[in-house]
PDB file of N, CA and C in Angstrom:
ATOM      1  N   UNK A   1     124.954  82.967 124.951  1.00  0.00           N
ATOM      2  CA  UNK A   1     125.508  83.674 126.089  1.00  0.00           C
ATOM      3  C   UNK A   1     127.020  83.484 126.092  1.00  0.00           C
ATOM      4  N   UNK A   2     127.685  84.356 126.742  1.00  0.00           N
ATOM      5  CA  UNK A   2     129.135  84.301 126.784  1.00  0.00           C
ATOM      6  C   UNK A   2     129.619  83.381 127.907  1.00  0.00           C
ATOM      7  N   UNK A   3     130.809  82.836 127.737  1.00  0.00           N
ATOM      8  CA  UNK A   3     131.460  82.008 128.760  1.00  0.00           C
ATOM      9  C   UNK A   3     130.613  80.832 129.215  1.00  0.00           C
ATOM     10  N   UNK A   4     129.798  80.283 128.324  1.00  0.00           N
ATOM     11  CA  UNK A   4     129.034  79.091 128.638  1.00  0.00           C
ATOM     12  C   UNK A   4     127.845  79.314 129.553  1.00  0.00           C
ATOM     13  N   UNK A   5     127.494  80.577 129.822  1.00  0.00           N
ATOM     14  CA  UNK A   5     126.348  80.848 130.682  1.00  0.00           C
ATOM     15  C   UNK A   5     125.058  80.418 129.980  1.00  0.00           C
ATOM     16  N   UNK A   6     124.083  80.040 130.762  1.00  0.00           N
ATOM     17  CA  UNK A   6     122.802  79.620 130.221  1.00  0.00           C
ATOM     18  C   UNK A   6     121.873  80.836 130.189  1.00  0.00           C
ATOM     19  N   UNK A   7     121.252  81.057 129.043  1.00  0.00           N
ATOM     20  CA  UNK A   7     120.353  82.196 128.894  1.00  0.00           C
ATOM     21  C   UNK A   7     119.138  82.054 129.800  1.00  0.00           C
ATOM     22  N   UNK A   8     118.772  83.150 130.458  1.00  0.00           N
ATOM     23  CA  UNK A   8     117.561  83.178 131.280  1.00  0.00           C
ATOM     24  C   UNK A   8     116.363  83.668 130.474  1.00  0.00           C
ATOM     25  N   UNK A   9     116.619  84.111 129.251  1.00  0.00           N
ATOM     26  CA  UNK A   9     115.563  84.625 128.382  1.00  0.00           C
ATOM     27  C   UNK A   9     114.740  83.466 127.854  1.00  0.00           C
ATOM     28  N   UNK A  10     113.433  83.663 127.802  1.00  0.00           N
ATOM     29  CA  UNK A  10     112.530  82.677 127.213  1.00  0.00           C
ATOM     30  C   UNK A  10     111.800  83.357 126.068  1.00  0.00           C
ATOM     31  N   UNK A  11     111.634  82.630 124.990  1.00  0.00           N
ATOM     32  CA  UNK A  11     111.052  83.195 123.773  1.00  0.00           C
ATOM     33  C   UNK A  11     109.532  83.223 123.826  1.00  0.00           C
ATOM     34  N   UNK A  12     108.978  84.138 123.047  1.00  0.00           N
ATOM     35  CA  UNK A  12     107.527  84.236 122.855  1.00  0.00           C
ATOM     36  C   UNK A  12     107.279  84.689 121.425  1.00  0.00           C
ATOM     37  N   UNK A  13     106.066  84.432 120.950  1.00  0.00           N
ATOM     38  CA  UNK A  13     105.689  84.783 119.582  1.00  0.00           C
ATOM     39  C   UNK A  13     104.348  85.513 119.610  1.00  0.00           C
ATOM     40  N   UNK A  14     104.127  86.324 118.580  1.00  0.00           N
ATOM     41  CA  UNK A  14     102.844  87.009 118.405  1.00  0.00           C
ATOM     42  C   UNK A  14     102.440  86.866 116.943  1.00  0.00           C
ATOM     43  N   UNK A  15     101.196  86.483 116.707  1.00  0.00           N
ATOM     44  CA  UNK A  15     100.642  86.407 115.349  1.00  0.00           C
ATOM     45  C   UNK A  15      99.611  87.513 115.207  1.00  0.00           C
ATOM     46  N   UNK A  16      99.630  88.181 114.042  1.00  0.00           N
ATOM     47  CA  UNK A  16      98.657  89.233 113.794  1.00  0.00           C
ATOM     48  C   UNK A  16      98.485  89.471 112.299  1.00  0.00           C
ATOM     49  N   UNK A  17      97.247  89.489 111.801  1.00  0.00           N
ATOM     50  CA  UNK A  17      96.997  89.866 110.409  1.00  0.00           C
ATOM     51  C   UNK A  17      96.794  91.380 110.279  1.00  0.00           C
ATOM     52  N   UNK A  18      97.109  91.895 109.102  1.00  0.00           N
ATOM     53  CA  UNK A  18      96.967  93.311 108.768  1.00  0.00           C
ATOM     54  C   UNK A  18      96.273  93.430 107.419  1.00  0.00           C
ATOM     55  N   UNK A  19      95.720  94.583 107.144  1.00  0.00           N
ATOM     56  CA  UNK A  19      95.028  94.815 105.888  1.00  0.00           C
ATOM     57  C   UNK A  19      95.931  94.832 104.670  1.00  0.00           C
ATOM     58  N   UNK A  20      97.210  95.147 104.878  1.00  0.00           N
ATOM     59  CA  UNK A  20      98.149  95.178 103.758  1.00  0.00           C
ATOM     60  C   UNK A  20      99.584  95.095 104.280  1.00  0.00           C
ATOM     61  N   UNK A  21     100.479  94.807 103.366  1.00  0.00           N
ATOM     62  CA  UNK A  21     101.893  94.628 103.722  1.00  0.00           C
ATOM     63  C   UNK A  21     102.517  95.917 104.247  1.00  0.00           C
ATOM     64  N   UNK A  22     102.192  97.047 103.642  1.00  0.00           N
ATOM     65  CA  UNK A  22     102.784  98.320 104.064  1.00  0.00           C
ATOM     66  C   UNK A  22     102.462  98.620 105.530  1.00  0.00           C
ATOM     67  N   UNK A  23     101.224  98.377 105.935  1.00  0.00           N
ATOM     68  CA  UNK A  23     100.841  98.607 107.332  1.00  0.00           C
ATOM     69  C   UNK A  23     101.578  97.652 108.255  1.00  0.00           C
ATOM     70  N   UNK A  24     101.654  96.379 107.869  1.00  0.00           N
ATOM     71  CA  UNK A  24     102.368  95.394 108.679  1.00  0.00           C
ATOM     72  C   UNK A  24     103.834  95.796 108.845  1.00  0.00           C
ATOM     73  N   UNK A  25     104.458  96.212 107.770  1.00  0.00           N
ATOM     74  CA  UNK A  25     105.871  96.612 107.829  1.00  0.00           C
ATOM     75  C   UNK A  25     106.074  97.855 108.686  1.00  0.00           C
ATOM     76  N   UNK A  26     105.191  98.824 108.549  1.00  0.00           N
ATOM     77  CA  UNK A  26     105.324 100.059 109.323  1.00  0.00           C
ATOM     78  C   UNK A  26     105.183  99.796 110.823  1.00  0.00           C
ATOM     79  N   UNK A  27     104.194  98.998 111.195  1.00  0.00           N
ATOM     80  CA  UNK A  27     103.992  98.692 112.611  1.00  0.00           C
ATOM     81  C   UNK A  27     105.114  97.807 113.133  1.00  0.00           C
ATOM     82  N   UNK A  28     105.578  96.864 112.321  1.00  0.00           N
ATOM     83  CA  UNK A  28     106.706  96.024 112.719  1.00  0.00           C
ATOM     84  C   UNK A  28     107.932  96.883 112.999  1.00  0.00           C
ATOM     85  N   UNK A  29     108.177  97.871 112.159  1.00  0.00           N
ATOM     86  CA  UNK A  29     109.339  98.739 112.352  1.00  0.00           C
ATOM     87  C   UNK A  29     109.255  99.484 113.683  1.00  0.00           C
ATOM     88  N   UNK A  30     108.066  99.944 114.046  1.00  0.00           N
ATOM     89  CA  UNK A  30     107.896 100.636 115.328  1.00  0.00           C
ATOM     90  C   UNK A  30     108.218  99.688 116.484  1.00  0.00           C
ATOM     91  N   UNK A  31     107.671  98.477 116.439  1.00  0.00           N
ATOM     92  CA  UNK A  31     107.903  97.521 117.525  1.00  0.00           C
ATOM     93  C   UNK A  31     109.372  97.125 117.642  1.00  0.00           C
ATOM     94  N   UNK A  32     110.049  96.986 116.499  1.00  0.00           N
ATOM     95  CA  UNK A  32     111.479  96.663 116.526  1.00  0.00           C
ATOM     96  C   UNK A  32     112.271  97.864 117.052  1.00  0.00           C
ATOM     97  N   UNK A  33     111.966  99.053 116.552  1.00  0.00           N
ATOM     98  CA  UNK A  33     112.681 100.256 117.003  1.00  0.00           C
ATOM     99  C   UNK A  33     112.509 100.485 118.498  1.00  0.00           C
ATOM    100  N   UNK A  34     111.332 100.187 119.020  1.00  0.00           N
ATOM    101  CA  UNK A  34     111.072 100.371 120.455  1.00  0.00           C
ATOM    102  C   UNK A  34     111.630  99.234 121.302  1.00  0.00           C
ATOM    103  N   UNK A  35     112.170  98.202 120.671  1.00  0.00           N
ATOM    104  CA  UNK A  35     112.761  97.089 121.403  1.00  0.00           C
ATOM    105  C   UNK A  35     111.757  96.119 121.994  1.00  0.00           C
ATOM    106  N   UNK A  36     110.499  96.215 121.595  1.00  0.00           N
ATOM    107  CA  UNK A  36     109.478  95.295 122.113  1.00  0.00           C
ATOM    108  C   UNK A  36     109.523  93.944 121.432  1.00  0.00           C
ATOM    109  N   UNK A  37     109.992  93.909 120.205  1.00  0.00           N
ATOM    110  CA  UNK A  37     110.191  92.656 119.474  1.00  0.00           C
ATOM    111  C   UNK A  37     111.559  92.716 118.824  1.00  0.00           C
ATOM    112  N   UNK A  38     112.131  91.560 118.589  1.00  0.00           N
ATOM    113  CA  UNK A  38     113.437  91.494 117.934  1.00  0.00           C
ATOM    114  C   UNK A  38     113.299  91.428 116.421  1.00  0.00           C
ATOM    115  N   UNK A  39     112.161  90.904 115.950  1.00  0.00           N
ATOM    116  CA  UNK A  39     112.003  90.654 114.524  1.00  0.00           C
ATOM    117  C   UNK A  39     110.527  90.457 114.202  1.00  0.00           C
ATOM    118  N   UNK A  40     110.188  90.759 112.959  1.00  0.00           N
ATOM    119  CA  UNK A  40     108.854  90.433 112.453  1.00  0.00           C
ATOM    120  C   UNK A  40     109.016  89.801 111.084  1.00  0.00           C
ATOM    121  N   UNK A  41     108.363  88.688 110.889  1.00  0.00           N
ATOM    122  CA  UNK A  41     108.315  88.052 109.573  1.00  0.00           C
ATOM    123  C   UNK A  41     106.973  88.406 108.964  1.00  0.00           C
ATOM    124  N   UNK A  42     107.004  89.082 107.820  1.00  0.00           N
ATOM    125  CA  UNK A  42     105.787  89.511 107.146  1.00  0.00           C
ATOM    126  C   UNK A  42     105.463  88.517 106.033  1.00  0.00           C
ATOM    127  N   UNK A  43     104.261  88.005 106.068  1.00  0.00           N
ATOM    128  CA  UNK A  43     103.775  87.102 105.026  1.00  0.00           C
ATOM    129  C   UNK A  43     102.816  87.942 104.188  1.00  0.00           C
ATOM    130  N   UNK A  44     103.219  88.296 102.970  1.00  0.00           N
ATOM    131  CA  UNK A  44     102.481  89.318 102.221  1.00  0.00           C
ATOM    132  C   UNK A  44     101.092  88.929 101.733  1.00  0.00           C
ATOM    133  N   UNK A  45     100.800  87.671 101.569  1.00  0.00           N
ATOM    134  CA  UNK A  45      99.491  87.317 101.000  1.00  0.00           C
ATOM    135  C   UNK A  45      98.893  86.123 101.731  1.00  0.00           C
ATOM    136  N   UNK A  46      97.886  86.418 102.546  1.00  0.00           N
ATOM    137  CA  UNK A  46      97.120  85.352 103.185  1.00  0.00           C
ATOM    138  C   UNK A  46      95.650  85.622 102.894  1.00  0.00           C
ATOM    139  N   UNK A  47      94.866  84.580 102.873  1.00  0.00           N
ATOM    140  CA  UNK A  47      93.421  84.731 102.740  1.00  0.00           C
ATOM    141  C   UNK A  47      92.803  84.373 104.071  1.00  0.00           C
ATOM    142  N   UNK A  48      92.049  85.280 104.615  1.00  0.00           N
ATOM    143  CA  UNK A  48      91.389  85.045 105.897  1.00  0.00           C
ATOM    144  C   UNK A  48      89.898  84.807 105.663  1.00  0.00           C
ATOM    145  N   UNK A  49      89.367  83.790 106.318  1.00  0.00           N
ATOM    146  CA  UNK A  49      87.937  83.496 106.301  1.00  0.00           C
ATOM    147  C   UNK A  49      87.496  83.581 107.751  1.00  0.00           C
ATOM    148  N   UNK A  50      86.501  84.426 108.036  1.00  0.00           N
ATOM    149  CA  UNK A  50      86.137  84.696 109.416  1.00  0.00           C
ATOM    150  C   UNK A  50      84.685  85.151 109.503  1.00  0.00           C
ATOM    151  N   UNK A  51      84.136  85.065 110.686  1.00  0.00           N
ATOM    152  CA  UNK A  51      82.784  85.568 110.919  1.00  0.00           C
ATOM    153  C   UNK A  51      82.919  86.966 111.500  1.00  0.00           C
ATOM    154  N   UNK A  52      82.236  87.936 110.896  1.00  0.00           N
ATOM    155  CA  UNK A  52      82.248  89.308 111.379  1.00  0.00           C
ATOM    156  C   UNK A  52      80.850  89.881 111.222  1.00  0.00           C
ATOM    157  N   UNK A  53      80.327  90.395 112.311  1.00  0.00           N
ATOM    158  CA  UNK A  53      78.988  90.981 112.346  1.00  0.00           C
ATOM    159  C   UNK A  53      77.937  90.010 111.799  1.00  0.00           C
ATOM    160  N   UNK A  54      78.072  88.733 112.199  1.00  0.00           N
ATOM    161  CA  UNK A  54      77.089  87.713 111.876  1.00  0.00           C
ATOM    162  C   UNK A  54      77.218  87.077 110.508  1.00  0.00           C
ATOM    163  N   UNK A  55      78.183  87.484 109.723  1.00  0.00           N
ATOM    164  CA  UNK A  55      78.334  86.924 108.380  1.00  0.00           C
ATOM    165  C   UNK A  55      79.745  86.385 108.168  1.00  0.00           C
ATOM    166  N   UNK A  56      79.828  85.310 107.378  1.00  0.00           N
ATOM    167  CA  UNK A  56      81.140  84.776 107.006  1.00  0.00           C
ATOM    168  C   UNK A  56      81.728  85.695 105.940  1.00  0.00           C
ATOM    169  N   UNK A  57      82.943  86.114 106.179  1.00  0.00           N
ATOM    170  CA  UNK A  57      83.622  87.055 105.286  1.00  0.00           C
ATOM    171  C   UNK A  57      84.956  86.467 104.842  1.00  0.00           C
ATOM    172  N   UNK A  58      85.467  87.004 103.760  1.00  0.00           N
ATOM    173  CA  UNK A  58      86.794  86.656 103.259  1.00  0.00           C
ATOM    174  C   UNK A  58      87.544  87.951 103.007  1.00  0.00           C
ATOM    175  N   UNK A  59      88.854  87.923 103.275  1.00  0.00           N
ATOM    176  CA  UNK A  59      89.664  89.110 103.027  1.00  0.00           C
ATOM    177  C   UNK A  59      91.088  88.696 102.677  1.00  0.00           C
ATOM    178  N   UNK A  60      91.697  89.469 101.820  1.00  0.00           N
ATOM    179  CA  UNK A  60      93.131  89.322 101.556  1.00  0.00           C
ATOM    180  C   UNK A  60      93.849  90.176 102.590  1.00  0.00           C
ATOM    181  N   UNK A  61      94.788  89.577 103.276  1.00  0.00           N
ATOM    182  CA  UNK A  61      95.517  90.283 104.329  1.00  0.00           C
ATOM    183  C   UNK A  61      97.001  89.935 104.229  1.00  0.00           C
ATOM    184  N   UNK A  62      97.779  90.623 105.037  1.00  0.00           N
ATOM    185  CA  UNK A  62      99.188  90.299 105.238  1.00  0.00           C
ATOM    186  C   UNK A  62      99.316  89.831 106.679  1.00  0.00           C
ATOM    187  N   UNK A  63     100.053  88.758 106.901  1.00  0.00           N
ATOM    188  CA  UNK A  63     100.248  88.260 108.258  1.00  0.00           C
ATOM    189  C   UNK A  63     101.619  88.634 108.779  1.00  0.00           C
ATOM    190  N   UNK A  64     101.722  88.760 110.081  1.00  0.00           N
ATOM    191  CA  UNK A  64     103.025  89.050 110.692  1.00  0.00           C
ATOM    192  C   UNK A  64     103.226  88.137 111.896  1.00  0.00           C
ATOM    193  N   UNK A  65     104.405  87.573 111.962  1.00  0.00           N
ATOM    194  CA  UNK A  65     104.821  86.756 113.096  1.00  0.00           C
ATOM    195  C   UNK A  65     105.957  87.506 113.782  1.00  0.00           C
ATOM    196  N   UNK A  66     105.719  87.907 115.010  1.00  0.00           N
ATOM    197  CA  UNK A  66     106.701  88.692 115.771  1.00  0.00           C
ATOM    198  C   UNK A  66     107.436  87.790 116.754  1.00  0.00           C
ATOM    199  N   UNK A  67     108.745  88.002 116.878  1.00  0.00           N
ATOM    200  CA  UNK A  67     109.567  87.260 117.843  1.00  0.00           C
ATOM    201  C   UNK A  67     109.948  88.204 118.973  1.00  0.00           C
ATOM    202  N   UNK A  68     109.677  87.764 120.204  1.00  0.00           N
ATOM    203  CA  UNK A  68     109.989  88.580 121.366  1.00  0.00           C
ATOM    204  C   UNK A  68     110.356  87.664 122.529  1.00  0.00           C
ATOM    205  N   UNK A  69     110.366  88.220 123.725  1.00  0.00           N
ATOM    206  CA  UNK A  69     110.638  87.422 124.917  1.00  0.00           C
ATOM    207  C   UNK A  69     109.361  87.303 125.735  1.00  0.00           C
ATOM    208  N   UNK A  70     109.331  86.327 126.619  1.00  0.00           N
ATOM    209  CA  UNK A  70     108.151  86.147 127.457  1.00  0.00           C
ATOM    210  C   UNK A  70     107.909  87.372 128.334  1.00  0.00           C
ATOM    211  N   UNK A  71     108.973  88.018 128.815  1.00  0.00           N
ATOM    212  CA  UNK A  71     108.816  89.206 129.657  1.00  0.00           C
ATOM    213  C   UNK A  71     108.175  90.361 128.900  1.00  0.00           C
ATOM    214  N   UNK A  72     108.437  90.434 127.603  1.00  0.00           N
ATOM    215  CA  UNK A  72     107.929  91.548 126.799  1.00  0.00           C
ATOM    216  C   UNK A  72     106.652  91.213 126.040  1.00  0.00           C
ATOM    217  N   UNK A  73     106.152  89.995 126.185  1.00  0.00           N
ATOM    218  CA  UNK A  73     104.965  89.586 125.443  1.00  0.00           C
ATOM    219  C   UNK A  73     103.777  90.509 125.732  1.00  0.00           C
ATOM    220  N   UNK A  74     103.469  90.745 126.986  1.00  0.00           N
ATOM    221  CA  UNK A  74     102.350  91.611 127.347  1.00  0.00           C
ATOM    222  C   UNK A  74     102.513  93.037 126.820  1.00  0.00           C
ATOM    223  N   UNK A  75     103.651  93.693 127.105  1.00  0.00           N
ATOM    224  CA  UNK A  75     103.845  95.045 126.582  1.00  0.00           C
ATOM    225  C   UNK A  75     103.829  95.112 125.052  1.00  0.00           C
ATOM    226  N   UNK A  76     104.371  94.096 124.392  1.00  0.00           N
ATOM    227  CA  UNK A  76     104.381  94.095 122.926  1.00  0.00           C
ATOM    228  C   UNK A  76     102.960  93.971 122.379  1.00  0.00           C
ATOM    229  N   UNK A  77     102.151  93.109 122.975  1.00  0.00           N
ATOM    230  CA  UNK A  77     100.759  92.961 122.533  1.00  0.00           C
ATOM    231  C   UNK A  77      99.995  94.260 122.779  1.00  0.00           C
ATOM    232  N   UNK A  78     100.176  94.867 123.947  1.00  0.00           N
ATOM    233  CA  UNK A  78      99.492  96.132 124.246  1.00  0.00           C
ATOM    234  C   UNK A  78      99.860  97.219 123.242  1.00  0.00           C
ATOM    235  N   UNK A  79     101.132  97.317 122.902  1.00  0.00           N
ATOM    236  CA  UNK A  79     101.571  98.330 121.940  1.00  0.00           C
ATOM    237  C   UNK A  79     101.011  98.022 120.552  1.00  0.00           C
ATOM    238  N   UNK A  80     101.003  96.760 120.180  1.00  0.00           N
ATOM    239  CA  UNK A  80     100.452  96.357 118.890  1.00  0.00           C
ATOM    240  C   UNK A  80      98.973  96.718 118.798  1.00  0.00           C
ATOM    241  N   UNK A  81      98.234  96.491 119.863  1.00  0.00           N
ATOM    242  CA  UNK A  81      96.815  96.873 119.895  1.00  0.00           C
ATOM    243  C   UNK A  81      96.679  98.380 119.667  1.00  0.00           C
ATOM    244  N   UNK A  82      97.536  99.165 120.306  1.00  0.00           N
ATOM    245  CA  UNK A  82      97.429 100.624 120.183  1.00  0.00           C
ATOM    246  C   UNK A  82      97.778 101.124 118.783  1.00  0.00           C
ATOM    247  N   UNK A  83      98.608 100.391 118.055  1.00  0.00           N
ATOM    248  CA  UNK A  83      99.038 100.808 116.724  1.00  0.00           C
ATOM    249  C   UNK A  83      98.162 100.266 115.599  1.00  0.00           C
ATOM    250  N   UNK A  84      97.486  99.156 115.849  1.00  0.00           N
ATOM    251  CA  UNK A  84      96.771  98.456 114.785  1.00  0.00           C
ATOM    252  C   UNK A  84      95.550  99.248 114.321  1.00  0.00           C
ATOM    253  N   UNK A  85      95.341  99.351 113.005  1.00  0.00           N
ATOM    254  CA  UNK A  85      94.209 100.135 112.509  1.00  0.00           C
ATOM    255  C   UNK A  85      92.843  99.444 112.596  1.00  0.00           C
ATOM    256  N   UNK A  86      92.788  98.130 112.786  1.00  0.00           N
ATOM    257  CA  UNK A  86      91.501  97.433 112.872  1.00  0.00           C
ATOM    258  C   UNK A  86      90.795  97.794 114.178  1.00  0.00           C
ATOM    259  N   UNK A  87      89.459  97.809 114.150  1.00  0.00           N
ATOM    260  CA  UNK A  87      88.676  98.009 115.373  1.00  0.00           C
ATOM    261  C   UNK A  87      88.900  96.867 116.360  1.00  0.00           C
ATOM    262  N   UNK A  88      88.958  95.657 115.831  1.00  0.00           N
ATOM    263  CA  UNK A  88      89.146  94.466 116.658  1.00  0.00           C
ATOM    264  C   UNK A  88      90.234  93.599 116.032  1.00  0.00           C
ATOM    265  N   UNK A  89      91.497  93.957 116.228  1.00  0.00           N
ATOM    266  CA  UNK A  89      92.558  93.162 115.607  1.00  0.00           C
ATOM    267  C   UNK A  89      92.691  91.789 116.272  1.00  0.00           C
ATOM    268  N   UNK A  90      92.986  90.791 115.461  1.00  0.00           N
ATOM    269  CA  UNK A  90      93.204  89.432 115.964  1.00  0.00           C
ATOM    270  C   UNK A  90      94.686  89.306 116.308  1.00  0.00           C
ATOM    271  N   UNK A  91      95.006  89.515 117.563  1.00  0.00           N
ATOM    272  CA  UNK A  91      96.392  89.469 118.033  1.00  0.00           C
ATOM    273  C   UNK A  91      96.489  88.326 119.030  1.00  0.00           C
ATOM    274  N   UNK A  92      97.354  87.369 118.732  1.00  0.00           N
ATOM    275  CA  UNK A  92      97.494  86.191 119.585  1.00  0.00           C
ATOM    276  C   UNK A  92      98.966  86.014 119.939  1.00  0.00           C
ATOM    277  N   UNK A  93      99.256  85.971 121.226  1.00  0.00           N
ATOM    278  CA  UNK A  93     100.625  85.775 121.688  1.00  0.00           C
ATOM    279  C   UNK A  93     100.731  84.508 122.505  1.00  0.00           C
ATOM    280  N   UNK A  94     101.901  83.887 122.458  1.00  0.00           N
ATOM    281  CA  UNK A  94     102.108  82.661 123.228  1.00  0.00           C
ATOM    282  C   UNK A  94     103.580  82.498 123.584  1.00  0.00           C
ATOM    283  N   UNK A  95     103.808  81.732 124.620  1.00  0.00           N
ATOM    284  CA  UNK A  95     105.170  81.390 125.044  1.00  0.00           C
ATOM    285  C   UNK A  95     105.678  80.259 124.167  1.00  0.00           C
ATOM    286  N   UNK A  96     106.898  80.389 123.715  1.00  0.00           N
ATOM    287  CA  UNK A  96     107.528  79.331 122.924  1.00  0.00           C
ATOM    288  C   UNK A  96     108.118  78.302 123.889  1.00  0.00           C
ATOM    289  N   UNK A  97     107.820  77.039 123.661  1.00  0.00           N
ATOM    290  CA  UNK A  97     108.320  75.988 124.545  1.00  0.00           C
ATOM    291  C   UNK A  97     109.812  75.745 124.388  1.00  0.00           C
ATOM    292  N   UNK A  98     110.309  75.916 123.163  1.00  0.00           N
ATOM    293  CA  UNK A  98     111.720  75.631 122.902  1.00  0.00           C
ATOM    294  C   UNK A  98     112.272  76.640 121.907  1.00  0.00           C
ATOM    295  N   UNK A  99     113.534  76.971 122.070  1.00  0.00           N
ATOM    296  CA  UNK A  99     114.236  77.824 121.111  1.00  0.00           C
ATOM    297  C   UNK A  99     115.715  77.493 121.183  1.00  0.00           C
ATOM    298  N   UNK A 100     116.382  77.640 120.079  1.00  0.00           N
ATOM    299  CA  UNK A 100     117.826  77.388 120.033  1.00  0.00           C
ATOM    300  C   UNK A 100     118.554  78.389 120.928  1.00  0.00           C
ATOM    301  N   UNK A 101     119.616  77.967 121.602  1.00  0.00           N
ATOM    302  CA  UNK A 101     120.360  78.888 122.468  1.00  0.00           C
ATOM    303  C   UNK A 101     120.801  80.164 121.750  1.00  0.00           C
ATOM    304  N   UNK A 102     121.251  80.045 120.509  1.00  0.00           N
ATOM    305  CA  UNK A 102     121.676  81.235 119.769  1.00  0.00           C
ATOM    306  C   UNK A 102     120.500  82.183 119.531  1.00  0.00           C
ATOM    307  N   UNK A 103     119.319  81.626 119.316  1.00  0.00           N
ATOM    308  CA  UNK A 103     118.123  82.457 119.135  1.00  0.00           C
ATOM    309  C   UNK A 103     117.801  83.201 120.421  1.00  0.00           C
ATOM    310  N   UNK A 104     117.896  82.525 121.545  1.00  0.00           N
ATOM    311  CA  UNK A 104     117.623  83.173 122.827  1.00  0.00           C
ATOM    312  C   UNK A 104     118.636  84.279 123.107  1.00  0.00           C
ATOM    313  N   UNK A 105     119.891  84.034 122.780  1.00  0.00           N
ATOM    314  CA  UNK A 105     120.922  85.069 122.949  1.00  0.00           C
ATOM    315  C   UNK A 105     120.596  86.287 122.097  1.00  0.00           C
ATOM    316  N   UNK A 106     120.187  86.029 120.851  1.00  0.00           N
ATOM    317  CA  UNK A 106     119.854  87.109 119.930  1.00  0.00           C
ATOM    318  C   UNK A 106     118.637  87.888 120.427  1.00  0.00           C
ATOM    319  N   UNK A 107     117.590  87.188 120.875  1.00  0.00           N
ATOM    320  CA  UNK A 107     116.418  87.864 121.436  1.00  0.00           C
ATOM    321  C   UNK A 107     116.816  88.748 122.607  1.00  0.00           C
ATOM    322  N   UNK A 108     117.657  88.223 123.460  1.00  0.00           N
ATOM    323  CA  UNK A 108     118.120  88.978 124.625  1.00  0.00           C
ATOM    324  C   UNK A 108     118.874  90.238 124.211  1.00  0.00           C
ATOM    325  N   UNK A 109     119.746  90.107 123.228  1.00  0.00           N
ATOM    326  CA  UNK A 109     120.545  91.246 122.766  1.00  0.00           C
ATOM    327  C   UNK A 109     119.674  92.325 122.136  1.00  0.00           C
ATOM    328  N   UNK A 110     118.620  91.937 121.454  1.00  0.00           N
ATOM    329  CA  UNK A 110     117.778  92.904 120.746  1.00  0.00           C
ATOM    330  C   UNK A 110     116.755  93.579 121.658  1.00  0.00           C
ATOM    331  N   UNK A 111     116.403  92.945 122.755  1.00  0.00           N
ATOM    332  CA  UNK A 111     115.382  93.482 123.643  1.00  0.00           C
ATOM    333  C   UNK A 111     115.936  93.824 125.017  1.00  0.00           C
ATOM    334  N   UNK A 112     117.219  93.632 125.236  1.00  0.00           N
ATOM    335  CA  UNK A 112     117.836  93.790 126.553  1.00  0.00           C
ATOM    336  C   UNK A 112     117.545  95.119 127.248  1.00  0.00           C
ATOM    337  N   UNK A 113     117.589  96.261 126.552  1.00  0.00           N
ATOM    338  CA  UNK A 113     117.347  97.520 127.272  1.00  0.00           C
ATOM    339  C   UNK A 113     115.992  97.560 127.975  1.00  0.00           C
ATOM    340  N   UNK A 114     114.996  96.923 127.426  1.00  0.00           N
ATOM    341  CA  UNK A 114     113.677  96.927 128.061  1.00  0.00           C
ATOM    342  C   UNK A 114     113.534  95.867 129.135  1.00  0.00           C
ATOM    343  N   UNK A 115     114.368  94.862 129.100  1.00  0.00           N
ATOM    344  CA  UNK A 115     114.222  93.769 130.062  1.00  0.00           C
ATOM    345  C   UNK A 115     114.970  94.030 131.366  1.00  0.00           C
ATOM    346  N   UNK A 116     115.799  95.030 131.370  1.00  0.00           N
ATOM    347  CA  UNK A 116     116.596  95.283 132.594  1.00  0.00           C
ATOM    348  C   UNK A 116     115.788  95.942 133.669  1.00  0.00           C
TER     349      UNK A 116
END
């Protein structure tokens, strides 16, 4: 923040797996362009082991970690649900307990139009 002001922004994160990197990148771009998240880190190769329709399954997926603010966490998750191609996407959001002041300033600058 400027002039020594303390940021009122609080950070939040969202984790979500995707079927492939291209889908993760495309959806991340929409969320960033819409100002719902400031950034997405795409992890191109993860192996998921999960129970689906009564059976243990394995899948190669791409993971995405989205950085946003606590105020935008709900709207960002809702938009992610609407964009995600899975019938039941595993989308988990949480409030970050701590973040560097410069990170909070950056989050605020990237999402400010929606937070006003």
